[in-house]
Amino acid sequence: MSRVSRPRPAPPRPTPFVQDRYVQDRPSASRMFWRRVRRSFTQLAVGMILLGLLAAGGGAFRQYADGETWRERIGNSTAALGLRVQQVVVEGRQKTPETLLRNAIAAGDGEPILSYSVTEARARIESIRWVQSATVTRRLPDTLVVTLTERRPFAVWQHDGKFVLIDRDGQLVTDSDVGTFSAELPLVVGEGAPAAAAALIDALAAQPDIQSRVQAAVRVGQRRWNLRLTNGMDVLLPEGADTAALARLAQLQSTQALLDRPLQALDLRLPDRLVFRPQPGHGADPKEPQPSQPRKPT
């Protein structure tokens, strides 16, 4: 069989370098000169515009920026652009007195919003006893937003003949309108009672049958508690063992109805024995002095 030879492809021809084309595309010297002139003129025009804006801004700043601090000057200068306090939005207020809150916010209508100190405002608001914490933020261009977390009354504290509301941490909430809460909050009495009230009230909540009989909890020597029951009985609790003593008392009530007996006092301070004192006329001296009765605020 004869072989058929295929023709080899011809090599590509080199592209000729056409020097005249590049020479023709190069701008002339006059054209390059005027191009530089136009570029320089554009840069000069932009610079003059920027200088004009800076001068106008500086004039406005000198005209409106009266104040002793930079914050006041910036606030006063931006107020001309509409950054002024027009409204104040308060969130989370239930019991905080409105007048006290308004005075603490202290934002005048039309006051420059950027010169208003949210840090100082928050400190003033948190000095109100009803307020546990607060945040103050700007909502540009014209709104202040105040968010409150109020203290929750936890107990009524009777001390030196006065009644005040305290929160769970023992902090004073208010000494006014106490009677509104007296029916729903426990009463604690005596010096040192607010700081120790939360632990006792939690222990009582675990024994609802005992809790329902308690009229007041009296702090003794800032060390321990006496419970005054609604039937006039005093229950003496041991120092630092409220939970165990109340569990023991609940067991005695369940098995022996001890709290329904005519007793003047029941002493639980000794872990291995029970000491009680009958009411006058039930085996005790009727002339024995009676302890003073804690009373609820009216």
Foldseek 3Di string as FASTA:
>chain_A
DDDDDDDDDDDDDDDDDDPVVVVVPDDDPVVVVVVVVVVVVVVVVVVVVVVVVVVVLVVLLVVQQDDDDPQSSVLRSCLVVVQFAAEEAEADDDPQDPVQLCVLQPGDHRGRPSSRDQVSSQVSNCVQLQFPGWGWDDDPRHYIYIYTDGADFAAWEAEPNAIFTAGQQLGTRGRPPQVVCLVPHAYEYDPLCSNPVNVLVVLCVVVVVVVVQFRYWYQDPNFFIWTQGPVQEIEGDAGPPNNVLVVVVSVCCVPPVVVPAQWNYWYCRDPPDIDTHGAPPPPDPPPPDRDDDDDTDD
